[in-house]
Amino acid sequence: MSAVVVLAVACGRSAAVQPKPQHLPSAVPTVAPTAPPVGPHGGIDLRVLVVTDGTPAVQAISQQVTTEGIPSTVVNLKRSSRQVITRTFLARTLPGGTQGGNFEGVVLPSAVSPNLSASEESALAWYEEKFKVRQVDAYSPPMPDIGMNAPVYSGLLSGTMSVTKAGASAGFGYLNQSFPFSGGRPDPRPSAISPIPCQAAALPRS
């Protein structure tokens, strides 16, 4: 048998015997473990209390809380069947007599809400002080209750303006020329706001 024939036979056999494809085991989908339920404790739950009256400012905060995935409880002040805010709603009592907070933060429509009763305001003040919980007022115009004098009209803001050295060094250096500014027509509405001196300000809870 010639070398050519032997080589042809060997090539034919190698072509006929093909390696079988390896079947890899399919990946088992992983499932994130579910955290076990937390039992009664004396800490503060990671949940925000949102008290809304439907105004845009508080609704925007409520929407952002939802978008961020933060657990929240919403009390709609426009509903007659809404939850009444009491101490027992805000906090829980453990078997040993200690208390735990149900909310890590409180969002209100404003610093003064006419839709909250005096007892509800008192319950919120008690809760925020006892558990050191912050309150966010969605919108509050300047008023003595929040440490600001009532706004007063200070006249038109008009004329030629330029950026001060401090302003230029703080990021506004691109405004390197003077420019005209017109405050429009005279407006009797207040436009200037000043803080109340610290010794005279009666600040509400924060």
Protein backbone atom coordinates (compact mmCIF):
# COMPACT_ATOMS: atom_id res chain seq x y z
CA MET A 1 0.00 0.00 0.00
CA SER A 2 1.46 3.27 -1.02
CA ALA A 3 2.03 6.14 1.38
CA VAL A 4 -0.61 8.17 -0.45
CA VAL A 5 -3.29 5.54 0.14
CA VAL A 6 -2.36 5.18 3.83
CA LEU A 7 -2.58 8.90 4.30
CA ALA A 8 -5.99 9.07 2.58
CA VAL A 9 -7.38 6.29 4.79
CA ALA A 10 -6.08 7.98 7.94
CA CYS A 11 -7.65 11.31 6.95
CA GLY A 12 -10.96 9.61 6.23
CA ARG A 13 -11.04 7.97 9.64
CA SER A 14 -10.20 11.20 11.45
CA ALA A 15 -12.96 12.99 9.57
CA ALA A 16 -15.51 10.32 10.42
CA VAL A 17 -14.81 10.41 14.15
CA GLN A 18 -15.92 13.82 15.37
CA PRO A 19 -15.72 14.81 19.05
CA LYS A 20 -19.08 14.94 20.73
CA PRO A 21 -20.15 18.42 21.87
CA GLN A 22 -19.96 18.89 25.59
CA HIS A 23 -23.25 19.65 27.29
CA LEU A 24 -22.61 22.10 30.08
CA PRO A 25 -25.07 22.11 32.94
CA SER A 26 -27.56 24.96 32.66
CA ALA A 27 -27.06 27.79 35.09
CA VAL A 28 -29.40 27.67 38.03
CA PRO A 29 -31.09 31.08 38.43
CA THR A 30 -30.14 32.73 41.66
CA VAL A 31 -32.84 34.20 43.83
CA ALA A 32 -32.00 36.98 46.23
CA PRO A 33 -32.69 35.86 49.77
CA THR A 34 -35.66 37.51 51.42
CA ALA A 35 -34.89 39.23 54.66
CA PRO A 36 -36.73 37.71 57.59
CA PRO A 37 -39.43 39.86 59.15
CA VAL A 38 -38.19 42.14 61.87
CA GLY A 39 -39.73 41.53 65.24
CA PRO A 40 -40.85 44.22 67.66
CA HIS A 41 -37.94 46.46 68.58
CA GLY A 42 -37.30 49.75 70.32
CA GLY A 43 -35.65 51.43 67.33
CA ILE A 44 -37.17 53.40 64.49
CA ASP A 45 -38.63 51.77 61.38
CA LEU A 46 -37.15 52.83 58.05
CA ARG A 47 -40.40 54.32 56.81
CA VAL A 48 -41.43 57.90 56.03
CA LEU A 49 -44.75 59.43 57.00
CA VAL A 50 -46.02 61.67 54.18
CA VAL A 51 -48.93 63.93 55.14
CA THR A 52 -50.33 65.46 51.97
CA ASP A 53 -53.02 67.96 51.07
CA GLY A 54 -52.54 67.46 47.34
CA THR A 55 -50.47 70.60 46.73
CA PRO A 56 -47.64 70.29 44.17
CA ALA A 57 -44.74 70.69 46.60
CA VAL A 58 -45.66 67.82 48.91
CA GLN A 59 -46.82 65.68 46.00
CA ALA A 60 -43.41 66.09 44.38
CA ILE A 61 -41.68 64.88 47.54
CA SER A 62 -44.11 61.98 47.84
CA GLN A 63 -43.41 60.96 44.25
CA GLN A 64 -39.65 61.13 44.79
CA VAL A 65 -39.92 58.99 47.91
CA THR A 66 -41.77 56.38 45.83
CA THR A 67 -39.24 56.63 43.00
CA GLU A 68 -36.35 56.06 45.38
CA GLY A 69 -38.05 52.97 46.76
CA ILE A 70 -38.33 54.32 50.29
CA PRO A 71 -41.19 52.71 52.26
CA SER A 72 -43.78 55.31 53.14
CA THR A 73 -47.19 55.74 54.67
CA VAL A 74 -49.36 58.45 53.11
CA VAL A 75 -52.06 60.32 55.03
CA ASN A 76 -54.29 62.30 52.68
CA LEU A 77 -55.73 65.27 54.54
CA LYS A 78 -58.45 65.69 51.90
CA ARG A 79 -60.09 62.37 52.75
CA SER A 80 -62.70 62.32 55.47
CA SER A 81 -61.83 58.72 56.36
CA ARG A 82 -58.12 59.42 56.71
CA GLN A 83 -55.92 58.11 59.49
CA VAL A 84 -55.94 60.32 62.56
CA ILE A 85 -52.39 61.06 63.67
CA THR A 86 -52.01 60.05 67.30
CA ARG A 87 -49.17 58.92 69.54
CA THR A 88 -50.21 55.30 69.16
CA PHE A 89 -50.13 55.69 65.37
CA LEU A 90 -46.66 57.21 65.41
CA ALA A 91 -45.08 54.90 67.98
CA ARG A 92 -45.56 51.37 69.29
CA THR A 93 -45.27 50.04 72.82
CA LEU A 94 -43.30 46.84 73.40
CA PRO A 95 -44.23 44.20 75.97
CA GLY A 96 -41.55 45.52 78.32
CA GLY A 97 -43.03 49.00 78.25
CA THR A 98 -40.41 50.62 76.02
CA GLN A 99 -41.48 52.37 72.82
CA GLY A 100 -40.33 52.19 69.21
CA GLY A 101 -40.86 54.69 66.42
CA ASN A 102 -42.82 53.81 63.30
CA PHE A 103 -41.35 56.52 61.05
CA GLU A 104 -37.83 57.79 60.40
CA GLY A 105 -39.05 61.05 58.92
CA VAL A 106 -42.17 63.20 58.56
CA VAL A 107 -43.18 65.23 55.51
CA LEU A 108 -45.85 67.91 55.89
CA PRO A 109 -47.35 70.26 53.29
CA SER A 110 -46.13 73.30 55.22
CA ALA A 111 -45.00 74.43 58.66
CA VAL A 112 -48.59 75.36 59.50
CA SER A 113 -51.34 73.08 58.19
CA PRO A 114 -54.94 74.06 58.91
CA ASN A 115 -56.05 70.51 58.09
CA LEU A 116 -54.27 69.09 61.13
CA SER A 117 -55.99 69.35 64.48
CA ALA A 118 -54.25 70.71 67.56
CA SER A 119 -54.03 67.20 69.02
CA GLU A 120 -52.39 65.92 65.83
CA GLU A 121 -49.87 68.76 65.88
CA SER A 122 -49.14 67.92 69.50
CA ALA A 123 -48.67 64.23 68.70
CA LEU A 124 -46.22 65.05 65.90
CA ALA A 125 -44.26 67.42 68.13
CA TRP A 126 -44.07 64.76 70.85
CA TYR A 127 -42.94 62.07 68.42
CA GLU A 128 -40.30 64.17 66.68
CA GLU A 129 -38.81 65.29 69.97
CA LYS A 130 -38.88 61.87 71.65
CA PHE A 131 -37.37 59.93 68.74
CA LYS A 132 -35.22 62.77 67.31
CA VAL A 133 -37.05 62.56 63.95
CA ARG A 134 -36.75 65.32 61.35
CA GLN A 135 -39.72 67.05 59.76
CA VAL A 136 -39.67 68.34 56.19
CA ASP A 137 -42.05 71.17 55.30
CA ALA A 138 -42.72 70.91 51.57
CA TYR A 139 -43.40 74.63 51.19
CA SER A 140 -43.49 77.46 53.68
CA PRO A 141 -43.51 81.17 52.89
CA PRO A 142 -41.39 83.34 55.20
CA MET A 143 -43.13 83.89 58.49
CA PRO A 144 -42.18 84.39 62.15
CA ASP A 145 -43.16 80.79 62.94
CA ILE A 146 -40.13 79.56 60.99
CA GLY A 147 -37.72 82.28 62.09
CA MET A 148 -38.25 84.76 59.24
CA ASN A 149 -39.84 88.19 59.23
CA ALA A 150 -42.80 88.73 56.95
CA PRO A 151 -41.59 89.93 53.52
CA VAL A 152 -41.76 93.62 52.66
CA TYR A 153 -41.58 95.45 49.35
CA SER A 154 -38.13 96.97 48.77
CA GLY A 155 -38.59 98.59 45.37
CA LEU A 156 -37.59 97.76 41.82
CA LEU A 157 -34.41 95.87 41.11
CA SER A 158 -33.11 97.58 37.99
CA GLY A 159 -30.01 99.21 36.55
CA THR A 160 -26.61 98.00 35.38
CA MET A 161 -25.34 94.94 37.20
CA SER A 162 -21.94 93.27 37.41
CA VAL A 163 -20.58 90.27 39.24
CA THR A 164 -18.61 90.94 42.41
CA LYS A 165 -15.17 89.45 42.96
CA ALA A 166 -16.64 87.01 45.46
CA GLY A 167 -19.26 85.92 42.96
CA ALA A 168 -16.70 85.54 40.19
CA SER A 169 -14.49 83.34 42.39
CA ALA A 170 -17.53 81.23 43.36
CA GLY A 171 -18.15 80.05 39.80
CA PHE A 172 -19.67 83.03 38.01
CA GLY A 173 -16.46 84.33 36.48
CA TYR A 174 -17.84 83.85 32.99
CA LEU A 175 -20.05 86.89 33.60
CA ASN A 176 -17.12 89.25 33.05
CA GLN A 177 -19.09 92.26 31.82
CA SER A 178 -21.81 94.50 33.13
CA PHE A 179 -25.32 93.81 31.96
CA PRO A 180 -28.66 95.61 32.30
CA PHE A 181 -31.29 94.28 34.63
CA SER A 182 -34.94 95.29 34.73
CA GLY A 183 -37.26 94.38 37.56
CA GLY A 184 -40.38 95.19 35.55
CA ARG A 185 -43.27 97.34 36.65
CA PRO A 186 -43.75 98.44 40.27
CA ASP A 187 -45.34 95.64 42.25
CA PRO A 188 -46.83 96.14 45.72
CA ARG A 189 -46.27 92.51 46.56
CA PRO A 190 -43.51 91.85 49.10
CA SER A 191 -40.10 90.98 47.67
CA ALA A 192 -37.52 91.31 50.44
CA ILE A 193 -37.10 88.83 53.26
CA SER A 194 -35.01 89.18 56.40
CA PRO A 195 -34.33 86.74 59.23
CA ILE A 196 -35.51 87.35 62.75
CA PRO A 197 -32.62 87.79 65.22
CA CYS A 198 -31.88 84.52 66.98
CA GLN A 199 -32.76 85.82 70.43
CA ALA A 200 -36.22 86.89 69.22
CA ALA A 201 -37.06 83.94 67.01
CA ALA A 202 -39.36 81.25 68.33
CA LEU A 203 -38.46 78.40 66.01
CA PRO A 204 -40.79 75.41 65.64
CA ARG A 205 -39.66 71.81 65.74
CA SER A 206 -37.28 70.73 63.01
